[in-house]
Amino acid sequence: MDFYITLAVIVMIIAILVFTYFVCITNLKKYQEKIDKAEEIIDENLNKKLDLVNTLNNTIKKVTGKKDYLKDYTSIKNLNITNIEKDMKLNEGIKLIDELTGDYRDLNKDKEFMKTFNSLRELDEVLVSAKNLFNQNAVKLNQLIKKFPYNIVAKITNYRIRSFYTTNKTDDGDNF
């Protein structure tokens, strides 16, 4: 009879371990999928932002006499850089566009230019939301990975602590 009790206890322990494993892996996957989705949104909107900068560059060339002020920013599509680097570079380009609108008043009068420029601002709002979503889920995933029994499951399944998405050089968080 002791054998059957021991066997039952062993089977129950294995069942609890398997159940715990699946609960942990499900929760880890949930946050990883949310991070991946936010990353897709960021990537998609950065590409849209780049297209808008290219469109604005064409108008700027016309107004300024074919001078290519944004050459360094319009060519980043061909570079193998991270989204953070792309985001920082595009933000620099937008600052330059801001300066150019002050120097060349004709740009402010061009309705299509202003419409495109305002679209950039709208994209920035979407990007801020996506970055926040990314970071919120990275925090939750990281918290799980640090807890028992998630830490064991994470080690077995190669889940790693995720860095935060930040383009601010003064942030204390790690870059993604």
C-alpha atoms as a PDB file:
ATOM      1  CA  MET A   1       0.000   0.000   0.000  1.00  0.00           C
ATOM      2  CA  ASP A   2       2.903   2.361   0.677  1.00  0.00           C
ATOM      3  CA  PHE A   3       3.977   1.840  -2.906  1.00  0.00           C
ATOM      4  CA  TYR A   4       0.633   3.119  -4.261  1.00  0.00           C
ATOM      5  CA  ILE A   5       0.648   6.130  -1.955  1.00  0.00           C
ATOM      6  CA  THR A   6       4.194   6.959  -2.981  1.00  0.00           C
ATOM      7  CA  LEU A   7       3.284   6.521  -6.629  1.00  0.00           C
ATOM      8  CA  ALA A   8       0.204   8.742  -6.220  1.00  0.00           C
ATOM      9  CA  VAL A   9       2.277  11.440  -4.514  1.00  0.00           C
ATOM     10  CA  ILE A  10       4.896  11.288  -7.282  1.00  0.00           C
ATOM     11  CA  VAL A  11       2.196  11.514  -9.978  1.00  0.00           C
ATOM     12  CA  MET A  12       0.597  14.482  -8.181  1.00  0.00           C
ATOM     13  CA  ILE A  13       3.942  16.259  -7.875  1.00  0.00           C
ATOM     14  CA  ILE A  14       4.644  15.695 -11.571  1.00  0.00           C
ATOM     15  CA  ALA A  15       1.153  16.938 -12.465  1.00  0.00           C
ATOM     16  CA  ILE A  16       1.640  20.074 -10.357  1.00  0.00           C
ATOM     17  CA  LEU A  17       5.043  20.692 -11.975  1.00  0.00           C
ATOM     18  CA  VAL A  18       3.629  20.251 -15.484  1.00  0.00           C
ATOM     19  CA  PHE A  19       0.677  22.509 -14.693  1.00  0.00           C
ATOM     20  CA  THR A  20       3.012  25.154 -13.207  1.00  0.00           C
ATOM     21  CA  TYR A  21       5.269  24.947 -16.250  1.00  0.00           C
ATOM     22  CA  PHE A  22       2.368  25.532 -18.649  1.00  0.00           C
ATOM     23  CA  VAL A  23       0.975  28.413 -16.594  1.00  0.00           C
ATOM     24  CA  CYS A  24       4.397  30.052 -16.521  1.00  0.00           C
ATOM     25  CA  ILE A  25       5.118  29.549 -20.199  1.00  0.00           C
ATOM     26  CA  THR A  26       1.665  30.883 -21.127  1.00  0.00           C
ATOM     27  CA  ASN A  27       2.199  34.071 -19.140  1.00  0.00           C
ATOM     28  CA  LEU A  28       5.718  34.573 -20.496  1.00  0.00           C
ATOM     29  CA  LYS A  29       4.471  34.104 -24.074  1.00  0.00           C
ATOM     30  CA  LYS A  30       1.612  36.547 -23.492  1.00  0.00           C
ATOM     31  CA  TYR A  31       3.965  39.382 -22.586  1.00  0.00           C
ATOM     32  CA  GLN A  32       6.472  38.453 -25.287  1.00  0.00           C
ATOM     33  CA  GLU A  33       3.704  38.574 -27.907  1.00  0.00           C
ATOM     34  CA  LYS A  34       2.601  42.005 -26.667  1.00  0.00           C
ATOM     35  CA  ILE A  35       6.196  43.235 -26.889  1.00  0.00           C
ATOM     36  CA  ASP A  36       6.520  41.833 -30.412  1.00  0.00           C
ATOM     37  CA  LYS A  37       3.257  43.509 -31.467  1.00  0.00           C
ATOM     38  CA  ALA A  38       4.399  46.871 -30.079  1.00  0.00           C
ATOM     39  CA  GLU A  39       7.699  46.424 -31.905  1.00  0.00           C
ATOM     40  CA  GLU A  40       5.843  45.793 -35.179  1.00  0.00           C
ATOM     41  CA  ILE A  41       3.812  48.971 -34.675  1.00  0.00           C
ATOM     42  CA  ILE A  42       6.978  50.941 -33.959  1.00  0.00           C
ATOM     43  CA  ASP A  43       8.730  49.557 -37.042  1.00  0.00           C
ATOM     44  CA  GLU A  44       5.740  50.199 -39.303  1.00  0.00           C
ATOM     45  CA  ASN A  45       5.311  53.775 -38.091  1.00  0.00           C
ATOM     46  CA  LEU A  46       9.011  54.575 -38.299  1.00  0.00           C
ATOM     47  CA  ASN A  47       8.899  53.516 -41.946  1.00  0.00           C
ATOM     48  CA  LYS A  48       5.864  55.745 -42.491  1.00  0.00           C
ATOM     49  CA  LYS A  49       7.718  58.571 -40.773  1.00  0.00           C
ATOM     50  CA  LEU A  50      10.689  58.050 -43.071  1.00  0.00           C
ATOM     51  CA  ASP A  51       8.398  58.187 -46.112  1.00  0.00           C
ATOM     52  CA  LEU A  52       6.916  61.458 -44.858  1.00  0.00           C
ATOM     53  CA  VAL A  53      10.389  62.916 -44.316  1.00  0.00           C
ATOM     54  CA  ASN A  54      11.238  61.939 -47.906  1.00  0.00           C
ATOM     55  CA  THR A  55       8.069  63.667 -49.130  1.00  0.00           C
ATOM     56  CA  LEU A  56       8.900  66.788 -47.129  1.00  0.00           C
ATOM     57  CA  ASN A  57      12.441  66.699 -48.466  1.00  0.00           C
ATOM     58  CA  ASN A  58      11.164  66.926 -52.048  1.00  0.00           C
ATOM     59  CA  THR A  59       9.167  70.055 -51.207  1.00  0.00           C
ATOM     60  CA  ILE A  60      12.113  71.542 -49.323  1.00  0.00           C
ATOM     61  CA  LYS A  61      14.362  70.957 -52.350  1.00  0.00           C
ATOM     62  CA  LYS A  62      11.907  72.856 -54.561  1.00  0.00           C
ATOM     63  CA  VAL A  63      11.614  75.800 -52.172  1.00  0.00           C
ATOM     64  CA  THR A  64      15.320  76.027 -51.308  1.00  0.00           C
ATOM     65  CA  GLY A  65      16.613  75.664 -54.832  1.00  0.00           C
ATOM     66  CA  LYS A  66      17.376  71.947 -54.951  1.00  0.00           C
ATOM     67  CA  LYS A  67      19.581  71.977 -51.830  1.00  0.00           C
ATOM     68  CA  ASP A  68      19.346  68.557 -50.154  1.00  0.00           C
ATOM     69  CA  TYR A  69      19.314  69.442 -46.451  1.00  0.00           C
ATOM     70  CA  LEU A  70      17.871  66.092 -45.405  1.00  0.00           C
ATOM     71  CA  LYS A  71      20.208  63.805 -47.363  1.00  0.00           C
ATOM     72  CA  ASP A  72      21.534  62.207 -44.148  1.00  0.00           C
ATOM     73  CA  TYR A  73      18.005  61.464 -42.965  1.00  0.00           C
ATOM     74  CA  THR A  74      16.386  60.285 -46.188  1.00  0.00           C
ATOM     75  CA  SER A  75      19.094  57.691 -46.815  1.00  0.00           C
ATOM     76  CA  ILE A  76      18.641  55.796 -43.534  1.00  0.00           C
ATOM     77  CA  LYS A  77      16.294  53.280 -45.153  1.00  0.00           C
ATOM     78  CA  ASN A  78      19.360  51.713 -46.762  1.00  0.00           C
ATOM     79  CA  LEU A  79      21.264  51.474 -43.479  1.00  0.00           C
ATOM     80  CA  ASN A  80      21.257  48.430 -41.232  1.00  0.00           C
ATOM     81  CA  ILE A  81      20.340  50.198 -37.987  1.00  0.00           C
ATOM     82  CA  THR A  82      18.050  49.489 -35.065  1.00  0.00           C
ATOM     83  CA  ASN A  83      14.661  51.116 -34.682  1.00  0.00           C
ATOM     84  CA  ILE A  84      16.038  53.219 -31.840  1.00  0.00           C
ATOM     85  CA  GLU A  85      18.819  54.549 -34.059  1.00  0.00           C
ATOM     86  CA  LYS A  86      16.336  55.144 -36.872  1.00  0.00           C
ATOM     87  CA  ASP A  87      13.994  56.938 -34.487  1.00  0.00           C
ATOM     88  CA  MET A  88      16.773  59.177 -33.154  1.00  0.00           C
ATOM     89  CA  LYS A  89      17.976  60.001 -36.665  1.00  0.00           C
ATOM     90  CA  LEU A  90      14.440  60.812 -37.860  1.00  0.00           C
ATOM     91  CA  ASN A  91      13.877  63.042 -34.844  1.00  0.00           C
ATOM     92  CA  GLU A  92      17.059  64.938 -35.739  1.00  0.00           C
ATOM     93  CA  GLY A  93      15.720  65.324 -39.279  1.00  0.00           C
ATOM     94  CA  ILE A  94      12.416  66.672 -37.993  1.00  0.00           C
ATOM     95  CA  LYS A  95      14.260  69.220 -35.868  1.00  0.00           C
ATOM     96  CA  LEU A  96      16.067  70.332 -39.016  1.00  0.00           C
ATOM     97  CA  ILE A  97      12.743  70.586 -40.853  1.00  0.00           C
ATOM     98  CA  ASP A  98      11.452  72.745 -37.983  1.00  0.00           C
ATOM     99  CA  GLU A  99      14.442  75.036 -38.427  1.00  0.00           C
ATOM    100  CA  LEU A 100      13.956  75.161 -42.195  1.00  0.00           C
ATOM    101  CA  THR A 101      10.320  76.226 -41.799  1.00  0.00           C
ATOM    102  CA  GLY A 102      11.633  79.208 -39.835  1.00  0.00           C
ATOM    103  CA  ASP A 103      14.239  80.047 -42.447  1.00  0.00           C
ATOM    104  CA  TYR A 104      12.032  79.500 -45.502  1.00  0.00           C
ATOM    105  CA  ARG A 105       8.607  81.036 -44.899  1.00  0.00           C
ATOM    106  CA  ASP A 106       7.367  79.677 -48.241  1.00  0.00           C
ATOM    107  CA  LEU A 107       7.322  76.207 -46.686  1.00  0.00           C
ATOM    108  CA  ASN A 108       4.688  77.372 -44.187  1.00  0.00           C
ATOM    109  CA  LYS A 109       2.520  78.578 -47.072  1.00  0.00           C
ATOM    110  CA  ASP A 110       2.618  75.249 -48.888  1.00  0.00           C
ATOM    111  CA  LYS A 111      -0.575  73.434 -47.814  1.00  0.00           C
ATOM    112  CA  GLU A 112       0.629  69.986 -48.836  1.00  0.00           C
ATOM    113  CA  PHE A 113       3.891  70.505 -46.933  1.00  0.00           C
ATOM    114  CA  MET A 114       2.041  71.566 -43.801  1.00  0.00           C
ATOM    115  CA  LYS A 115      -0.407  68.656 -44.099  1.00  0.00           C
ATOM    116  CA  THR A 116       2.499  66.206 -44.376  1.00  0.00           C
ATOM    117  CA  PHE A 117       4.345  67.917 -41.535  1.00  0.00           C
ATOM    118  CA  ASN A 118       1.254  67.604 -39.318  1.00  0.00           C
ATOM    119  CA  SER A 119       1.020  63.916 -40.248  1.00  0.00           C
ATOM    120  CA  LEU A 120       4.498  63.526 -38.771  1.00  0.00           C
ATOM    121  CA  ARG A 121       3.219  64.893 -35.470  1.00  0.00           C
ATOM    122  CA  GLU A 122       0.328  62.416 -35.502  1.00  0.00           C
ATOM    123  CA  LEU A 123       2.739  59.549 -36.156  1.00  0.00           C
ATOM    124  CA  ASP A 124       4.789  60.688 -33.178  1.00  0.00           C
ATOM    125  CA  GLU A 125       1.744  60.211 -30.955  1.00  0.00           C
ATOM    126  CA  VAL A 126       1.280  56.666 -32.240  1.00  0.00           C
ATOM    127  CA  LEU A 127       4.973  55.970 -31.709  1.00  0.00           C
ATOM    128  CA  VAL A 128       4.892  57.276 -28.140  1.00  0.00           C
ATOM    129  CA  SER A 129       1.944  54.979 -27.386  1.00  0.00           C
ATOM    130  CA  ALA A 130       3.645  51.977 -28.980  1.00  0.00           C
ATOM    131  CA  LYS A 131       6.887  52.665 -27.083  1.00  0.00           C
ATOM    132  CA  ASN A 132       4.940  52.912 -23.821  1.00  0.00           C
ATOM    133  CA  LEU A 133       3.164  49.642 -24.618  1.00  0.00           C
ATOM    134  CA  PHE A 134       6.507  48.017 -25.377  1.00  0.00           C
ATOM    135  CA  ASN A 135       8.051  49.258 -22.132  1.00  0.00           C
ATOM    136  CA  GLN A 136       5.047  48.370 -19.956  1.00  0.00           C
ATOM    137  CA  ASN A 137       5.080  44.801 -21.219  1.00  0.00           C
ATOM    138  CA  ALA A 138       8.860  44.575 -20.945  1.00  0.00           C
ATOM    139  CA  VAL A 139       8.544  45.584 -17.279  1.00  0.00           C
ATOM    140  CA  LYS A 140       5.898  42.909 -16.663  1.00  0.00           C
ATOM    141  CA  LEU A 141       7.899  40.248 -18.500  1.00  0.00           C
ATOM    142  CA  ASN A 142      11.058  41.188 -16.599  1.00  0.00           C
ATOM    143  CA  GLN A 143       9.208  41.035 -13.288  1.00  0.00           C
ATOM    144  CA  LEU A 144       7.943  37.544 -14.100  1.00  0.00           C
ATOM    145  CA  ILE A 145      11.376  36.346 -15.181  1.00  0.00           C
ATOM    146  CA  LYS A 146      12.770  37.393 -11.792  1.00  0.00           C
ATOM    147  CA  LYS A 147      10.102  35.477  -9.799  1.00  0.00           C
ATOM    148  CA  PHE A 148      10.033  31.860  -8.772  1.00  0.00           C
ATOM    149  CA  PRO A 149       9.006  29.575 -10.556  1.00  0.00           C
ATOM    150  CA  TYR A 150       9.054  31.778 -13.695  1.00  0.00           C
ATOM    151  CA  ASN A 151      12.817  32.206 -13.386  1.00  0.00           C
ATOM    152  CA  ILE A 152      13.316  28.464 -13.804  1.00  0.00           C
ATOM    153  CA  VAL A 153      10.907  28.182 -16.740  1.00  0.00           C
ATOM    154  CA  ALA A 154      12.458  31.275 -18.351  1.00  0.00           C
ATOM    155  CA  LYS A 155      15.909  29.736 -18.071  1.00  0.00           C
ATOM    156  CA  ILE A 156      14.693  26.467 -19.596  1.00  0.00           C
ATOM    157  CA  THR A 157      12.906  28.225 -22.472  1.00  0.00           C
ATOM    158  CA  ASN A 158      15.533  30.952 -23.064  1.00  0.00           C
ATOM    159  CA  TYR A 159      13.417  33.950 -22.064  1.00  0.00           C
ATOM    160  CA  ARG A 160      15.680  36.854 -21.232  1.00  0.00           C
ATOM    161  CA  ILE A 161      15.290  40.167 -19.448  1.00  0.00           C
ATOM    162  CA  ARG A 162      14.181  42.723 -22.054  1.00  0.00           C
ATOM    163  CA  SER A 163      15.713  46.161 -22.298  1.00  0.00           C
ATOM    164  CA  PHE A 164      13.460  49.176 -22.567  1.00  0.00           C
ATOM    165  CA  TYR A 165      12.777  51.146 -25.701  1.00  0.00           C
ATOM    166  CA  THR A 166      14.247  54.557 -25.175  1.00  0.00           C
ATOM    167  CA  THR A 167      15.614  57.234 -27.462  1.00  0.00           C
ATOM    168  CA  ASN A 168      16.511  59.606 -24.667  1.00  0.00           C
ATOM    169  CA  LYS A 169      20.256  59.521 -24.069  1.00  0.00           C
ATOM    170  CA  THR A 170      19.780  60.612 -20.455  1.00  0.00           C
ATOM    171  CA  ASP A 171      17.473  57.707 -19.541  1.00  0.00           C
ATOM    172  CA  ASP A 172      18.811  55.280 -17.003  1.00  0.00           C
ATOM    173  CA  GLY A 173      17.100  52.339 -18.732  1.00  0.00           C
ATOM    174  CA  ASP A 174      18.888  50.093 -21.158  1.00  0.00           C
ATOM    175  CA  ASN A 175      18.278  50.549 -24.843  1.00  0.00           C
ATOM    176  CA  PHE A 176      16.389  47.880 -26.700  1.00  0.00           C
END
